[in-house]
């Protein structure tokens, strides 16, 4: 539908609702676009038609459903004109709260993060952490994300090669799938953390064509480096400072051996991201440019640590390395969320179909 259902003076025309008995999904253009598959499923399960309420002007491309652009400051007018059967709010903004407050229909908040929403309708939370922060709500997971199949299990014996490193009381930080420019970030972060205690940096660039140039560049850091493909014995020598990974199977297996995992592609704009490392069972740190829907969902759920910049990355990594209990809790929170998330979409649709909204 190219044009909005209502605009301008059309809001003031008397008459019945332009979309009777409709379910309206509320959000900004980005979240509505990212959640298109959820919106489609909600449309299929609705008792009547479905429409979209854009809080930030409207879509870049015409959606498949009727839509309106919310006229700010007119929440009561909008609710009185549309007379919705129910509202599904994907964004928590002041405009969304105004619409919910003016509604006389059931309201559902998806991925709620504030206790104030409990007074404005049913709140669906994405993780145990958020359930505690909100002080209630339905713990269903994040239904906005289409859940991928988990990666196949890796060979657990791979981590045995770090026995000497662990025996020396050293931690392991793994920077996986680094994009161009992120190797420098990895080395600088490692050097900053090493000032607080000894450790090992595992480094796996994403692009195979860059393996050799990156290794040659690493020499300037004067760190004892072992190349995974050229390791004669299976055990990493205890004085190794950098374990340089150039093999796909080793890249996947290494994740579960680390104390912390730093996800590459998230500190550089427009870089591809592989989210498979989330299943490794260790705390994950990401940068501000994580565009993968699963990574963004994990950030919203509070189960991975978002670092605003290089300085914040050092602070957050040091915080977790200094506190084993906090590190273990972060890993457990991520594992629990992954377990919950697998059926989040189906649980949410069942909840909506039950009429509990």
Protein backbone atom coordinates (compact mmCIF):
# COMPACT_ATOMS: atom_id res chain seq x y z
CA UNK A 1 0.00 0.00 0.00
CA UNK A 2 1.81 3.09 -1.27
CA UNK A 3 -0.11 5.87 0.53
CA UNK A 4 -1.06 6.05 4.21
CA UNK A 5 -4.58 5.05 5.15
CA UNK A 6 -5.25 8.43 6.76
CA UNK A 7 -3.46 11.74 6.72
CA UNK A 8 -4.05 15.45 7.22
CA UNK A 9 -7.67 16.49 7.56
CA UNK A 10 -8.82 12.90 7.00
CA UNK A 11 -8.26 12.37 10.71
CA UNK A 12 -11.10 14.78 11.41
CA UNK A 13 -13.66 13.27 9.07
CA UNK A 14 -16.52 11.65 10.94
CA UNK A 15 -17.52 8.08 10.36
CA UNK A 16 -16.56 4.53 11.15
CA UNK A 17 -13.05 3.17 11.45
CA UNK A 18 -11.29 2.93 8.06
CA UNK A 19 -10.08 -0.55 9.10
CA UNK A 20 -12.70 -2.06 11.42
CA UNK A 21 -11.71 -4.63 14.05
CA UNK A 22 -8.04 -4.32 13.09
CA UNK A 23 -4.91 -5.27 14.95
CA UNK A 24 -2.42 -2.39 14.77
CA UNK A 25 1.32 -2.96 15.13
CA UNK A 26 3.18 0.08 16.45
CA UNK A 27 6.86 0.93 15.94
CA UNK A 28 9.52 2.87 14.10
CA UNK A 29 10.43 2.08 10.50
CA UNK A 30 13.53 0.09 11.43
CA UNK A 31 11.92 -2.29 13.91
CA UNK A 32 8.85 -2.76 11.69
CA UNK A 33 11.11 -3.63 8.77
CA UNK A 34 13.24 -6.02 10.84
CA UNK A 35 10.11 -7.67 12.24
CA UNK A 36 8.35 -8.16 8.90
CA UNK A 37 8.10 -11.93 9.37
CA UNK A 38 6.54 -11.47 12.82
CA UNK A 39 4.06 -8.92 11.42
CA UNK A 40 3.12 -11.43 8.72
CA UNK A 41 2.51 -14.11 11.34
CA UNK A 42 0.45 -11.69 13.43
CA UNK A 43 -1.65 -10.85 10.38
CA UNK A 44 -2.32 -14.53 9.74
CA UNK A 45 -3.42 -15.06 13.34
CA UNK A 46 -5.52 -11.91 13.71
CA UNK A 47 -9.31 -12.11 13.90
CA UNK A 48 -9.58 -9.13 11.57
CA UNK A 49 -7.27 -7.09 9.31
CA UNK A 50 -3.86 -5.76 10.36
CA UNK A 51 -2.34 -2.31 10.01
CA UNK A 52 0.92 -0.57 10.89
CA UNK A 53 1.39 2.64 12.87
CA UNK A 54 4.74 4.27 12.06
CA UNK A 55 6.06 6.45 14.84
CA UNK A 56 8.79 8.13 12.80
CA UNK A 57 7.24 9.35 9.56
CA UNK A 58 6.61 6.23 7.50
CA UNK A 59 8.26 3.39 5.59
CA UNK A 60 11.02 3.71 3.01
CA UNK A 61 9.23 1.16 0.87
CA UNK A 62 5.50 0.48 0.73
CA UNK A 63 4.58 -2.30 3.19
CA UNK A 64 2.19 -5.13 2.44
CA UNK A 65 -0.36 -3.85 4.97
CA UNK A 66 -2.37 -0.65 5.45
CA UNK A 67 -0.40 1.91 7.40
CA UNK A 68 -0.52 5.35 8.94
CA UNK A 69 2.09 7.85 10.05
CA UNK A 70 1.36 8.82 13.64
CA UNK A 71 0.53 12.53 13.96
CA UNK A 72 2.44 13.44 17.10
CA UNK A 73 0.40 14.78 19.96
CA UNK A 74 -2.82 13.27 18.59
CA UNK A 75 -2.92 9.93 20.43
CA UNK A 76 -6.53 10.30 21.53
CA UNK A 77 -7.57 11.37 18.03
CA UNK A 78 -5.78 8.36 16.49
CA UNK A 79 -7.32 5.85 18.88
CA UNK A 80 -10.76 7.37 18.53
CA UNK A 81 -10.57 7.23 14.72
CA UNK A 82 -9.01 3.78 14.35
CA UNK A 83 -10.86 1.99 17.18
CA UNK A 84 -8.41 -0.94 17.14
CA UNK A 85 -9.15 -4.47 18.28
CA UNK A 86 -5.72 -4.53 19.91
CA UNK A 87 -2.31 -2.84 19.79
CA UNK A 88 1.04 -4.63 19.51
CA UNK A 89 3.86 -2.22 20.42
CA UNK A 90 7.32 -3.17 19.15
CA UNK A 91 8.94 0.13 20.21
CA UNK A 92 8.90 1.80 23.60
CA UNK A 93 8.78 5.53 22.92
CA UNK A 94 6.81 8.40 24.39
CA UNK A 95 4.53 8.34 21.35
CA UNK A 96 3.93 4.60 21.74
CA UNK A 97 3.12 5.11 25.42
CA UNK A 98 0.72 7.92 24.53
CA UNK A 99 -1.11 5.63 22.11
CA UNK A 100 -1.29 2.84 24.69
CA UNK A 101 -2.58 5.26 27.32
CA UNK A 102 -5.32 6.49 25.00
CA UNK A 103 -6.36 3.01 23.86
CA UNK A 104 -9.49 1.28 25.12
CA UNK A 105 -8.36 -2.05 23.66
CA UNK A 106 -5.83 -4.66 24.89
CA UNK A 107 -2.20 -3.59 24.49
CA UNK A 108 0.84 -5.90 24.25
CA UNK A 109 4.39 -4.60 24.62
CA UNK A 110 6.96 -6.79 22.85
CA UNK A 111 10.45 -6.94 24.40
CA UNK A 112 9.50 -4.54 27.17
CA UNK A 113 12.33 -3.07 29.21
CA UNK A 114 10.60 -0.78 31.71
CA UNK A 115 8.43 -1.38 34.75
CA UNK A 116 6.29 1.60 33.68
CA UNK A 117 4.88 -0.49 30.83
CA UNK A 118 3.14 -2.82 33.28
CA UNK A 119 0.50 -0.12 33.78
CA UNK A 120 -0.03 0.19 30.02
CA UNK A 121 -0.79 -3.39 29.03
CA UNK A 122 0.68 -6.87 28.88
CA UNK A 123 4.47 -6.90 28.75
CA UNK A 124 6.43 -9.63 26.98
CA UNK A 125 10.08 -9.78 28.03
CA UNK A 126 12.94 -11.34 26.09
CA UNK A 127 15.19 -12.65 28.87
CA UNK A 128 15.36 -13.46 32.56
CA UNK A 129 17.51 -10.35 33.06
CA UNK A 130 14.78 -8.10 31.65
CA UNK A 131 12.08 -9.88 33.64
CA UNK A 132 13.98 -8.90 36.78
CA UNK A 133 14.51 -5.32 35.59
CA UNK A 134 10.86 -4.87 34.63
CA UNK A 135 9.63 -6.55 37.78
CA UNK A 136 7.17 -8.76 35.98
CA UNK A 137 5.93 -9.53 32.49
CA UNK A 138 5.69 -12.71 30.46
CA UNK A 139 9.05 -14.36 29.82
CA UNK A 140 8.62 -15.61 26.24
CA UNK A 141 11.83 -14.59 24.45
CA UNK A 142 12.20 -12.22 21.50
CA UNK A 143 9.59 -13.07 18.82
CA UNK A 144 10.88 -10.42 16.41
CA UNK A 145 13.83 -12.56 15.29
CA UNK A 146 13.55 -15.53 12.96
CA UNK A 147 15.53 -18.13 14.85
CA UNK A 148 18.32 -19.89 12.90
CA UNK A 149 19.38 -23.47 13.44
CA UNK A 150 22.18 -23.64 16.04
CA UNK A 151 25.63 -24.50 14.67
CA UNK A 152 26.77 -28.13 14.86
CA UNK A 153 28.71 -29.09 18.02
CA UNK A 154 32.49 -28.74 17.87
CA UNK A 155 35.16 -31.16 18.97
CA UNK A 156 35.57 -30.61 22.75
CA UNK A 157 39.12 -32.00 22.79
CA UNK A 158 40.33 -28.90 20.92
CA UNK A 159 40.52 -26.96 24.20
CA UNK A 160 42.96 -29.48 25.67
CA UNK A 161 45.76 -27.81 23.75
CA UNK A 162 45.53 -24.84 26.16
CA UNK A 163 46.24 -26.88 29.31
CA UNK A 164 49.71 -25.36 29.73
CA UNK A 165 48.30 -21.85 29.30
CA UNK A 166 45.63 -22.52 31.92
CA UNK A 167 48.18 -24.18 34.19
CA UNK A 168 50.12 -20.92 34.17
CA UNK A 169 47.02 -19.14 35.50
CA UNK A 170 46.43 -17.12 32.33
CA UNK A 171 43.17 -16.01 30.78
CA UNK A 172 42.18 -16.32 27.12
CA UNK A 173 40.41 -13.60 25.12
CA UNK A 174 39.22 -14.56 21.65
CA UNK A 175 38.65 -12.02 18.85
CA UNK A 176 36.75 -13.93 16.17
CA UNK A 177 35.89 -12.99 12.58
CA UNK A 178 37.67 -9.66 12.73
CA UNK A 179 37.07 -7.27 9.84
CA UNK A 180 39.58 -4.89 8.31
CA UNK A 181 40.92 -2.57 11.02
CA UNK A 182 39.66 -4.68 13.92
CA UNK A 183 42.95 -6.56 14.28
CA UNK A 184 44.57 -3.36 15.53
CA UNK A 185 41.71 -3.04 18.02
CA UNK A 186 42.29 -6.65 19.11
CA UNK A 187 46.01 -6.13 19.73
CA UNK A 188 45.55 -2.81 21.52
CA UNK A 189 42.83 -4.30 23.73
CA UNK A 190 45.03 -7.28 24.54
CA UNK A 191 48.01 -5.06 25.44
CA UNK A 192 45.82 -2.94 27.72
CA UNK A 193 44.43 -6.03 29.44
CA UNK A 194 47.90 -7.59 29.75
CA UNK A 195 48.99 -4.65 31.87
CA UNK A 196 46.62 -6.03 34.53
CA UNK A 197 47.79 -9.65 34.26
CA UNK A 198 49.03 -12.28 31.85
CA UNK A 199 46.84 -13.76 29.16
CA UNK A 200 46.59 -15.10 25.65
CA UNK A 201 44.94 -13.49 22.63
CA UNK A 202 43.30 -15.85 20.15
CA UNK A 203 42.80 -14.04 16.85
CA UNK A 204 40.80 -15.25 13.84
CA UNK A 205 40.42 -12.82 10.92
CA UNK A 206 37.31 -13.38 8.84
CA UNK A 207 38.71 -12.97 5.33
CA UNK A 208 41.10 -15.73 4.24
CA UNK A 209 42.82 -13.45 1.74
CA UNK A 210 44.02 -11.30 4.63
CA UNK A 211 45.58 -14.09 6.74
CA UNK A 212 49.17 -13.62 5.58
CA UNK A 213 49.21 -9.78 5.52
CA UNK A 214 47.71 -9.63 9.00
CA UNK A 215 50.27 -12.07 10.34
CA UNK A 216 53.15 -10.06 8.86
CA UNK A 217 51.66 -6.89 10.36
CA UNK A 218 51.46 -8.56 13.79
CA UNK A 219 55.23 -8.85 14.03
CA UNK A 220 55.46 -5.17 14.99
CA UNK A 221 53.74 -5.94 18.30
CA UNK A 222 56.65 -8.17 19.42
CA UNK A 223 54.33 -10.80 20.89
CA UNK A 224 55.20 -14.49 20.82
CA UNK A 225 52.74 -15.79 18.21
CA UNK A 226 51.82 -19.36 17.32
CA UNK A 227 50.09 -19.95 14.00
CA UNK A 228 47.45 -22.61 14.46
CA UNK A 229 48.11 -24.18 11.04
CA UNK A 230 51.83 -24.49 11.77
CA UNK A 231 51.65 -25.80 15.34
CA UNK A 232 53.86 -28.91 15.39
CA UNK A 233 52.52 -30.25 18.68
CA UNK A 234 48.89 -30.19 19.74
CA UNK A 235 49.58 -28.19 22.93
CA UNK A 236 50.11 -24.44 22.87
CA UNK A 237 53.36 -23.47 24.68
CA UNK A 238 52.62 -21.66 27.96
CA UNK A 239 54.55 -18.51 27.00
CA UNK A 240 52.51 -17.96 23.84
CA UNK A 241 50.92 -14.54 23.73
CA UNK A 242 48.94 -14.79 20.48
CA UNK A 243 47.29 -17.86 18.97
CA UNK A 244 46.66 -17.02 15.31
CA UNK A 245 43.84 -19.06 13.75
CA UNK A 246 43.57 -19.68 10.00
CA UNK A 247 41.37 -22.78 9.84
CA UNK A 248 37.56 -22.79 9.75
CA UNK A 249 37.07 -25.73 12.09
CA UNK A 250 39.56 -24.28 14.58
CA UNK A 251 37.81 -20.91 14.38
CA UNK A 252 34.56 -22.51 15.53
CA UNK A 253 36.14 -24.78 18.15
CA UNK A 254 38.19 -21.98 19.73
CA UNK A 255 35.13 -20.08 20.98
CA UNK A 256 34.34 -22.48 23.80
CA UNK A 257 37.96 -22.42 25.03
CA UNK A 258 38.00 -18.70 25.83
CA UNK A 259 37.12 -16.69 28.93
CA UNK A 260 35.73 -13.88 26.79
CA UNK A 261 34.74 -13.63 23.16
CA UNK A 262 34.89 -10.37 21.20
CA UNK A 263 32.69 -10.59 18.12
CA UNK A 264 34.31 -9.19 15.00
CA UNK A 265 32.38 -7.13 12.49
CA UNK A 266 30.70 -5.18 15.28
CA UNK A 267 33.32 -2.46 15.71
CA UNK A 268 33.46 -1.52 12.01
CA UNK A 269 30.44 -0.22 10.06
CA UNK A 270 29.00 -2.33 7.24
CA UNK A 271 31.00 -5.44 8.09
CA UNK A 272 29.52 -8.95 7.82
CA UNK A 273 28.86 -10.74 11.09
CA UNK A 274 28.59 -14.41 11.98
CA UNK A 275 26.52 -14.93 15.11
CA UNK A 276 27.34 -18.65 15.53
CA UNK A 277 29.83 -17.88 18.32
CA UNK A 278 26.94 -16.93 20.61
CA UNK A 279 26.45 -20.65 21.21
CA UNK A 280 29.97 -21.13 22.64
CA UNK A 281 28.88 -20.83 26.27
CA UNK A 282 31.18 -17.92 27.17
CA UNK A 283 30.49 -14.20 27.70
CA UNK A 284 30.34 -12.19 24.47
CA UNK A 285 31.28 -8.55 23.90
CA UNK A 286 30.16 -6.64 20.80
CA UNK A 287 30.71 -3.19 19.37
CA UNK A 288 28.22 -0.50 18.34
CA UNK A 289 27.91 -1.65 14.71
CA UNK A 290 26.38 -5.09 15.18
CA UNK A 291 23.80 -5.36 12.39
CA UNK A 292 23.03 -9.08 12.58
CA UNK A 293 19.42 -9.47 13.84
CA UNK A 294 20.40 -12.18 16.31
CA UNK A 295 23.22 -10.05 17.74
CA UNK A 296 20.90 -7.05 18.01
CA UNK A 297 18.34 -9.22 19.77
CA UNK A 298 20.96 -10.46 22.24
CA UNK A 299 21.95 -6.87 22.98
CA UNK A 300 18.31 -5.87 23.55
CA UNK A 301 17.91 -8.84 25.87
CA UNK A 302 20.96 -7.78 27.90
CA UNK A 303 22.73 -11.13 27.45
CA UNK A 304 25.76 -9.83 25.58
CA UNK A 305 27.80 -6.81 26.57
CA UNK A 306 27.58 -3.80 24.27
CA UNK A 307 30.78 -1.72 24.13
CA UNK A 308 30.43 1.82 22.81
CA UNK A 309 34.04 2.14 21.61
CA UNK A 310 37.59 0.78 22.01
CA UNK A 311 38.02 2.32 25.46
CA UNK A 312 34.77 0.84 26.70
CA UNK A 313 35.80 -2.55 25.31
CA UNK A 314 38.86 -2.58 27.58
CA UNK A 315 36.76 -1.52 30.58
CA UNK A 316 34.10 -4.18 30.02
CA UNK A 317 36.60 -6.95 29.27
CA UNK A 318 38.63 -6.11 32.39
CA UNK A 319 35.46 -6.09 34.49
CA UNK A 320 34.61 -9.63 33.46
CA UNK A 321 38.16 -10.96 33.64
CA UNK A 322 38.57 -9.60 37.18
CA UNK A 323 35.39 -11.26 38.46
CA UNK A 324 34.99 -14.99 37.68
CA UNK A 325 31.55 -15.13 39.33
CA UNK A 326 30.27 -12.29 37.18
CA UNK A 327 31.83 -13.91 34.13
CA UNK A 328 30.13 -17.24 34.89
CA UNK A 329 26.80 -15.47 35.41
CA UNK A 330 27.12 -13.67 32.07
CA UNK A 331 27.76 -17.01 30.34
CA UNK A 332 24.79 -18.61 32.11
CA UNK A 333 22.48 -15.71 31.18
CA UNK A 334 23.45 -16.08 27.51
CA UNK A 335 22.94 -19.86 27.57
CA UNK A 336 19.53 -19.48 29.23
CA UNK A 337 18.45 -16.91 26.64
CA UNK A 338 19.55 -19.12 23.75
CA UNK A 339 17.56 -22.01 25.21
CA UNK A 340 14.49 -19.79 25.65
CA UNK A 341 14.81 -18.09 22.30
CA UNK A 342 14.46 -21.18 20.14
CA UNK A 343 10.65 -21.27 20.49
CA UNK A 344 10.04 -17.58 21.29
CA UNK A 345 8.10 -16.86 18.09
CA UNK A 346 5.73 -19.82 18.49
CA UNK A 347 5.17 -19.07 22.20
CA UNK A 348 4.29 -15.47 21.42
CA UNK A 349 1.88 -16.40 18.64
CA UNK A 350 0.19 -18.92 20.93
CA UNK A 351 -0.16 -16.21 23.56
CA UNK A 352 -1.74 -13.82 21.06
CA UNK A 353 -4.06 -16.52 19.71
CA UNK A 354 -5.22 -17.42 23.20
CA UNK A 355 -6.88 -14.05 23.58
CA UNK A 356 -4.70 -13.29 26.63
CA UNK A 357 -3.84 -9.96 25.09
